[in-house]
Amino acid sequence: EVAALYTPQQGQSGGLAAAQAKLTPLLAAMNVYAASHPDNEAGHRLHSDMLARQVLLARTAGDLDAAGPAAQSALALAEARHKALPDDIDWGDRLSLAQRDVGELLIEQGRFADGLIQLRRSLALREELAPKEGGKANAQADVAGAQAALGDALSASGSYVDAETAYIAARNSLALQARLHPENKVLPLRGARLELAIVANQQLARRGLTASRTLKLLRQRLTAERDGGDKLLLAQAGLMEALIQPGGTAQQAYVVAERSLPALLADSEADPQNTYRQRESVAAWQKAGEIGLRAGQKDSACKYLGLAEARYDALAQAHRLNALDVAARTRLAAQRAVCRPA
């Protein structure tokens, strides 16, 4: 019932607040029930589901103050049940997800060392579970998800070499999953998104030539699809290619960047309640502004950088900024220095 009100992928207008309002009293009642019925296994699993949903909704809203305690409660419950039922794969799965949630939240708070500990625990448990889940169609894809989450955290912390190692491991896990279950049509999309993460990490590490080669292979793969490729992924690849600028002039790169923006913003601006999608808009404007400045198009470039700053202002006023946003906003301020009147 709560999921019907809002899921991040659908982004129903007003649905996030309604879902949170619906879940809050249900979870309060569930907390009381769980405490008074410690032997009800079905109750424990429902409690786990509700805590995971609360974490998802709070994170989507950018409310780390609410997401953190819920994630810790979900982790404590999963740890206790996994200890009590060590052969129960479902509780192992829930524990790995809870560890990942806690780890990602710690990274968003700027607590990189603590976050990486939890993410590595999540991955280790995923790797332990995979051989036991022989009949599960997404066992290796779940491992890939944990590996990619570790890669994201390492990249955010500036450990680009270790991040690429994690991303390559995720690529290999997805390839294994595709061989085991070729009927899974979601895997190519996940693989393409992973390649974009690899390119972004290589670009941050100032390995432009390597990033351009990775991106070229990805674009060939996307455009080879019968339907012309995923339009959003093509736009994301186009903007990244313009940022790296493996060839041509800065002016040509800026044309590509501006051509990519409508598809990117149509997606990221579709759900104003989703803080993660809002950040994608900021990243697109910031990249376009950087490329525009490089092309000597100061007026339009500064317009994009101004849009990024305005969005950060709005997120700050709503208390939706995290530590990674603060660092990115500092970089944005340096970029906007040329936009100020002399």
Protein backbone atom coordinates (compact mmCIF):
# COMPACT_ATOMS: atom_id res chain seq x y z
CA GLU A 1 0.00 0.00 0.00
CA VAL A 2 2.86 2.39 0.83
CA ALA A 3 4.76 1.33 -2.30
CA ALA A 4 1.66 2.10 -4.38
CA LEU A 5 1.75 5.71 -3.17
CA TYR A 6 5.34 6.34 -4.25
CA THR A 7 8.33 4.60 -5.77
CA PRO A 8 11.41 6.58 -6.87
CA GLN A 9 11.19 5.20 -10.41
CA GLN A 10 7.64 6.43 -10.93
CA GLY A 11 7.76 9.71 -9.02
CA GLN A 12 4.04 10.35 -8.59
CA SER A 13 3.24 14.00 -7.86
CA GLY A 14 2.98 14.49 -4.12
CA GLY A 15 3.36 10.77 -3.53
CA LEU A 16 6.53 10.84 -1.46
CA ALA A 17 5.08 12.89 1.39
CA ALA A 18 1.89 10.80 1.30
CA ALA A 19 3.87 7.56 1.44
CA GLN A 20 5.94 8.80 4.38
CA ALA A 21 2.80 9.95 6.22
CA LYS A 22 1.21 6.54 5.65
CA LEU A 23 4.28 4.59 6.71
CA THR A 24 5.11 6.47 9.92
CA PRO A 25 2.18 5.25 12.09
CA LEU A 26 2.36 1.77 10.56
CA LEU A 27 6.03 1.47 11.47
CA ALA A 28 5.40 2.79 14.99
CA ALA A 29 2.77 0.10 15.50
CA MET A 30 5.09 -2.51 14.00
CA ASN A 31 7.87 -1.52 16.42
CA VAL A 32 5.52 -2.16 19.34
CA TYR A 33 4.29 -5.45 17.87
CA ALA A 34 7.82 -6.72 17.15
CA ALA A 35 8.94 -5.99 20.71
CA SER A 36 6.00 -7.90 22.17
CA HIS A 37 6.19 -10.85 19.72
CA PRO A 38 9.90 -11.75 19.53
CA ASP A 39 9.16 -15.28 18.24
CA ASN A 40 7.01 -14.22 15.27
CA GLU A 41 9.30 -14.78 12.29
CA ALA A 42 6.82 -13.39 9.76
CA GLY A 43 6.58 -10.27 11.92
CA HIS A 44 10.36 -9.85 11.85
CA ARG A 45 10.40 -10.03 8.05
CA LEU A 46 7.55 -7.53 7.75
CA HIS A 47 9.33 -5.24 10.20
CA SER A 48 12.47 -5.52 8.05
CA ASP A 49 10.48 -4.65 4.92
CA MET A 50 8.98 -1.58 6.57
CA LEU A 51 12.33 -0.32 7.86
CA ALA A 52 13.86 -0.76 4.39
CA ARG A 53 10.99 1.22 2.88
CA GLN A 54 11.45 3.99 5.44
CA VAL A 55 15.15 4.18 4.57
CA LEU A 56 14.35 4.37 0.87
CA LEU A 57 11.76 7.12 1.28
CA ALA A 58 13.90 9.19 3.64
CA ARG A 59 16.97 8.92 1.41
CA THR A 60 14.91 9.88 -1.63
CA ALA A 61 13.63 12.93 0.24
CA GLY A 62 17.20 13.85 1.20
CA ASP A 63 16.40 13.44 4.90
CA LEU A 64 19.56 11.83 6.24
CA ASP A 65 18.49 12.54 9.83
CA ALA A 66 15.56 10.16 9.36
CA ALA A 67 17.30 7.70 7.04
CA GLY A 68 20.27 7.08 9.35
CA PRO A 69 18.42 5.75 12.43
CA ALA A 70 16.06 3.68 10.26
CA ALA A 71 19.03 2.13 8.45
CA GLN A 72 20.74 1.33 11.75
CA SER A 73 17.53 -0.29 13.05
CA ALA A 74 17.23 -2.36 9.87
CA LEU A 75 20.87 -3.41 10.23
CA ALA A 76 20.47 -4.40 13.90
CA LEU A 77 17.37 -6.47 13.11
CA ALA A 78 19.00 -8.22 10.14
CA GLU A 79 22.16 -8.95 12.15
CA ALA A 80 20.14 -10.50 14.97
CA ARG A 81 18.00 -12.65 12.66
CA HIS A 82 20.98 -13.74 10.54
CA LYS A 83 22.79 -14.77 13.70
CA ALA A 84 19.74 -16.72 14.86
CA LEU A 85 19.16 -18.28 11.42
CA PRO A 86 22.60 -18.42 9.73
CA ASP A 87 21.42 -20.77 6.97
CA ASP A 88 18.45 -18.58 6.03
CA ILE A 89 19.45 -17.01 2.71
CA ASP A 90 16.69 -14.42 2.90
CA TRP A 91 18.10 -12.96 6.12
CA GLY A 92 21.57 -13.01 4.60
CA ASP A 93 20.18 -11.04 1.67
CA ARG A 94 18.48 -8.55 3.99
CA LEU A 95 21.65 -8.13 6.03
CA SER A 96 23.74 -7.40 2.94
CA LEU A 97 21.21 -4.79 1.79
CA ALA A 98 21.12 -3.20 5.25
CA GLN A 99 24.92 -3.02 5.36
CA ARG A 100 24.90 -1.37 1.96
CA ASP A 101 22.28 1.19 3.03
CA VAL A 102 24.25 2.09 6.14
CA GLY A 103 27.49 2.26 4.17
CA GLU A 104 26.06 4.52 1.49
CA LEU A 105 24.54 6.83 4.09
CA LEU A 106 27.86 7.11 5.91
CA ILE A 107 29.53 8.02 2.60
CA GLU A 108 26.89 10.72 2.04
CA GLN A 109 27.75 12.08 5.49
CA GLY A 110 31.43 12.24 4.53
CA ARG A 111 32.39 9.37 6.84
CA PHE A 112 34.31 7.49 4.17
CA ALA A 113 36.29 5.05 6.33
CA ASP A 114 33.20 3.89 8.23
CA GLY A 115 31.11 3.72 5.08
CA LEU A 116 33.67 1.64 3.22
CA ILE A 117 33.78 -0.86 6.08
CA GLN A 118 30.04 -1.48 5.77
CA LEU A 119 30.13 -1.65 1.97
CA ARG A 120 32.94 -4.20 2.05
CA ARG A 121 30.96 -6.27 4.57
CA SER A 122 27.95 -6.10 2.28
CA LEU A 123 30.01 -7.27 -0.68
CA ALA A 124 31.68 -10.09 1.29
CA LEU A 125 28.28 -11.41 2.37
CA ARG A 126 26.94 -11.14 -1.21
CA GLU A 127 29.87 -13.19 -2.47
CA GLU A 128 29.24 -15.76 0.27
CA LEU A 129 25.54 -16.00 -0.60
CA ALA A 130 25.87 -16.23 -4.40
CA PRO A 131 26.95 -19.91 -4.57
CA LYS A 132 24.07 -20.82 -2.26
CA GLU A 133 21.56 -19.09 -4.55
CA GLY A 134 22.09 -21.28 -7.58
CA GLY A 135 18.46 -21.06 -8.56
CA LYS A 136 18.21 -17.31 -8.19
CA ALA A 137 18.24 -15.55 -11.54
CA ASN A 138 19.97 -12.42 -10.20
CA ALA A 139 22.56 -13.88 -7.81
CA GLN A 140 25.59 -12.59 -9.73
CA ALA A 141 23.81 -9.33 -10.57
CA ASP A 142 23.36 -8.79 -6.82
CA VAL A 143 27.10 -9.28 -6.38
CA ALA A 144 27.67 -6.77 -9.18
CA GLY A 145 25.42 -4.27 -7.41
CA ALA A 146 27.48 -4.54 -4.23
CA GLN A 147 30.73 -4.22 -6.20
CA ALA A 148 29.44 -1.14 -8.05
CA ALA A 149 28.28 0.45 -4.79
CA LEU A 150 31.78 -0.03 -3.40
CA GLY A 151 33.19 1.49 -6.59
CA ASP A 152 30.93 4.54 -6.26
CA ALA A 153 32.06 5.09 -2.67
CA LEU A 154 35.75 4.68 -3.51
CA SER A 155 35.44 7.10 -6.41
CA ALA A 156 33.66 9.65 -4.21
CA SER A 157 36.50 9.35 -1.69
CA GLY A 158 39.12 9.96 -4.38
CA SER A 159 40.44 6.37 -4.48
CA TYR A 160 40.10 6.13 -8.26
CA VAL A 161 42.37 3.11 -8.83
CA ASP A 162 40.56 1.02 -6.22
CA ALA A 163 37.23 2.26 -7.59
CA GLU A 164 38.08 1.03 -11.07
CA THR A 165 39.05 -2.36 -9.65
CA ALA A 166 35.61 -2.60 -8.01
CA TYR A 167 33.86 -1.46 -11.19
CA ILE A 168 35.72 -4.00 -13.34
CA ALA A 169 34.74 -6.74 -10.88
CA ALA A 170 31.13 -5.61 -11.24
CA ARG A 171 31.46 -5.70 -15.02
CA ASN A 172 32.73 -9.29 -14.81
CA SER A 173 29.89 -10.30 -12.46
CA LEU A 174 27.28 -8.88 -14.85
CA ALA A 175 28.93 -10.70 -17.76
CA LEU A 176 28.72 -13.96 -15.80
CA GLN A 177 25.06 -13.29 -15.01
CA ALA A 178 24.36 -12.65 -18.70
CA ARG A 179 25.94 -15.97 -19.64
CA LEU A 180 23.92 -17.82 -17.00
CA HIS A 181 20.64 -16.04 -17.81
CA PRO A 182 20.70 -14.62 -21.36
CA GLU A 183 16.94 -14.10 -21.17
CA ASN A 184 17.42 -11.27 -18.63
CA LYS A 185 16.82 -8.11 -20.69
CA VAL A 186 17.70 -5.71 -17.86
CA LEU A 187 21.37 -6.72 -17.70
CA PRO A 188 22.51 -4.79 -20.82
CA LEU A 189 21.04 -1.59 -19.39
CA ARG A 190 22.76 -2.16 -16.06
CA GLY A 191 25.98 -2.89 -17.89
CA ALA A 192 25.76 0.36 -19.86
CA ARG A 193 25.18 2.38 -16.69
CA LEU A 194 28.18 0.68 -15.13
CA GLU A 195 30.34 1.63 -18.13
CA LEU A 196 29.31 5.25 -17.66
CA ALA A 197 30.40 5.06 -14.02
CA ILE A 198 33.76 3.66 -15.16
CA VAL A 199 34.16 6.53 -17.65
CA ALA A 200 33.28 9.13 -15.00
CA ASN A 201 35.81 7.62 -12.59
CA GLN A 202 38.51 7.58 -15.29
CA GLN A 203 37.78 11.21 -16.09
CA LEU A 204 38.06 12.20 -12.42
CA ALA A 205 41.40 10.38 -12.31
CA ARG A 206 42.49 12.52 -15.29
CA ARG A 207 42.85 9.49 -17.52
CA GLY A 208 41.18 11.12 -20.49
CA LEU A 209 42.55 8.81 -23.18
CA THR A 210 41.43 5.69 -21.32
CA ALA A 211 38.04 7.27 -20.60
CA SER A 212 37.56 8.18 -24.26
CA ARG A 213 38.31 4.59 -25.34
CA THR A 214 35.83 3.19 -22.80
CA LEU A 215 33.23 5.71 -23.92
CA LYS A 216 33.76 4.95 -27.61
CA LEU A 217 33.07 1.26 -27.02
CA LEU A 218 29.97 2.11 -25.00
CA ARG A 219 28.57 4.43 -27.69
CA GLN A 220 29.15 1.76 -30.34
CA ARG A 221 27.27 -0.70 -28.19
CA LEU A 222 24.37 1.68 -27.54
CA THR A 223 23.92 2.79 -31.14
CA ALA A 224 24.11 -0.81 -32.39
CA GLU A 225 20.84 -1.69 -30.68
CA ARG A 226 17.92 -2.21 -33.01
CA ASP A 227 15.81 0.58 -31.51
CA GLY A 228 18.65 3.10 -31.84
CA GLY A 229 19.78 2.71 -28.25
CA ASP A 230 18.54 4.06 -24.94
CA LYS A 231 18.05 7.80 -25.52
CA LEU A 232 18.91 8.78 -21.96
CA LEU A 233 22.09 6.72 -21.91
CA LEU A 234 23.09 8.15 -25.28
CA ALA A 235 22.58 11.66 -23.92
CA GLN A 236 24.62 10.86 -20.81
CA ALA A 237 27.39 9.43 -22.99
CA GLY A 238 27.24 12.49 -25.24
CA LEU A 239 27.67 14.91 -22.35
CA MET A 240 30.55 12.89 -20.91
CA GLU A 241 32.22 12.73 -24.32
CA ALA A 242 31.91 16.51 -24.64
CA LEU A 243 33.48 16.93 -21.21
CA ILE A 244 36.41 14.68 -22.07
CA GLN A 245 36.64 16.09 -25.62
CA PRO A 246 38.73 13.34 -27.21
CA GLY A 247 38.69 15.17 -30.56
CA GLY A 248 37.41 18.24 -32.36
CA THR A 249 37.21 21.76 -31.01
CA ALA A 250 35.88 23.04 -27.70
CA GLN A 251 33.08 24.76 -29.62
CA GLN A 252 32.02 21.46 -31.20
CA ALA A 253 32.07 19.79 -27.79
CA TYR A 254 29.80 22.51 -26.41
CA VAL A 255 27.31 21.93 -29.24
CA VAL A 256 27.21 18.23 -28.28
CA ALA A 257 26.78 19.12 -24.60
CA GLU A 258 23.85 21.47 -25.22
CA ARG A 259 22.27 18.92 -27.55
CA SER A 260 22.43 16.32 -24.75
CA LEU A 261 20.80 18.45 -22.05
CA PRO A 262 17.08 18.22 -23.02
CA ALA A 263 16.97 14.42 -22.71
CA LEU A 264 18.96 14.50 -19.47
CA LEU A 265 16.79 17.17 -17.85
CA ALA A 266 13.54 15.61 -19.04
CA ASP A 267 14.49 12.61 -16.91
CA SER A 268 16.10 14.31 -13.90
CA GLU A 269 13.45 17.03 -13.59
CA ALA A 270 10.55 14.58 -13.84
CA ASP A 271 10.42 14.06 -10.07
CA PRO A 272 11.20 17.14 -7.95
CA GLN A 273 10.72 15.08 -4.78
CA ASN A 274 13.65 12.79 -5.61
CA THR A 275 16.83 14.37 -4.28
CA TYR A 276 19.06 12.01 -6.26
CA ARG A 277 17.36 13.01 -9.52
CA GLN A 278 17.71 16.68 -8.56
CA ARG A 279 21.45 16.15 -8.15
CA GLU A 280 21.59 14.71 -11.67
CA SER A 281 20.28 18.03 -12.98
CA VAL A 282 22.96 19.89 -11.05
CA ALA A 283 25.66 17.62 -12.47
CA ALA A 284 24.39 18.13 -16.04
CA TRP A 285 24.30 21.93 -15.68
CA GLN A 286 27.72 21.97 -14.06
CA LYS A 287 29.29 19.86 -16.82
CA ALA A 288 27.66 21.97 -19.54
CA GLY A 289 28.91 25.14 -17.84
CA GLU A 290 32.46 23.81 -17.62
CA ILE A 291 32.44 22.84 -21.30
CA GLY A 292 30.96 26.22 -22.25
CA LEU A 293 33.66 28.13 -20.41
CA ARG A 294 36.28 26.04 -22.17
CA ALA A 295 34.63 26.96 -25.48
CA GLY A 296 34.70 30.66 -24.65
CA GLN A 297 30.88 30.87 -24.37
CA LYS A 298 30.91 32.69 -21.07
CA ASP A 299 27.34 34.03 -21.03
CA SER A 300 25.54 30.75 -21.68
CA ALA A 301 28.05 28.76 -19.62
CA CYS A 302 27.51 31.03 -16.62
CA LYS A 303 23.76 30.60 -17.07
CA TYR A 304 24.14 26.84 -16.63
CA LEU A 305 26.42 27.26 -13.63
CA GLY A 306 23.89 29.68 -12.15
CA LEU A 307 21.14 27.08 -12.53
CA ALA A 308 23.32 24.59 -10.69
CA GLU A 309 23.93 27.05 -7.85
CA ALA A 310 20.22 27.90 -7.63
CA ARG A 311 19.40 24.21 -7.26
CA TYR A 312 21.99 23.83 -4.52
CA ASP A 313 20.42 26.84 -2.78
CA ALA A 314 17.01 25.18 -2.94
CA LEU A 315 18.38 21.89 -1.60
CA ALA A 316 20.19 23.72 1.21
CA GLN A 317 17.03 25.59 2.22
CA ALA A 318 15.17 22.27 2.35
CA HIS A 319 18.03 20.71 4.40
CA ARG A 320 18.66 18.18 1.63
CA LEU A 321 22.40 18.72 1.11
CA ASN A 322 24.85 15.99 2.06
CA ALA A 323 28.64 16.10 2.46
CA LEU A 324 29.20 15.19 -1.19
CA ASP A 325 26.94 18.07 -2.24
CA VAL A 326 28.95 20.49 -0.10
CA ALA A 327 32.19 19.41 -1.78
CA ALA A 328 30.65 19.66 -5.25
CA ARG A 329 29.23 23.08 -4.41
CA THR A 330 32.71 24.27 -3.44
CA ARG A 331 34.00 23.21 -6.86
CA LEU A 332 31.06 24.99 -8.46
CA ALA A 333 31.89 28.21 -6.64
CA ALA A 334 35.41 28.07 -8.09
CA GLN A 335 34.00 27.59 -11.59
CA ARG A 336 31.59 30.52 -11.15
CA ALA A 337 34.38 32.90 -10.14
CA VAL A 338 34.78 33.95 -13.79
CA CYS A 339 31.08 34.76 -13.98
CA ARG A 340 31.23 37.54 -11.42
CA PRO A 341 31.35 41.13 -12.74
CA ALA A 342 34.90 42.53 -12.87
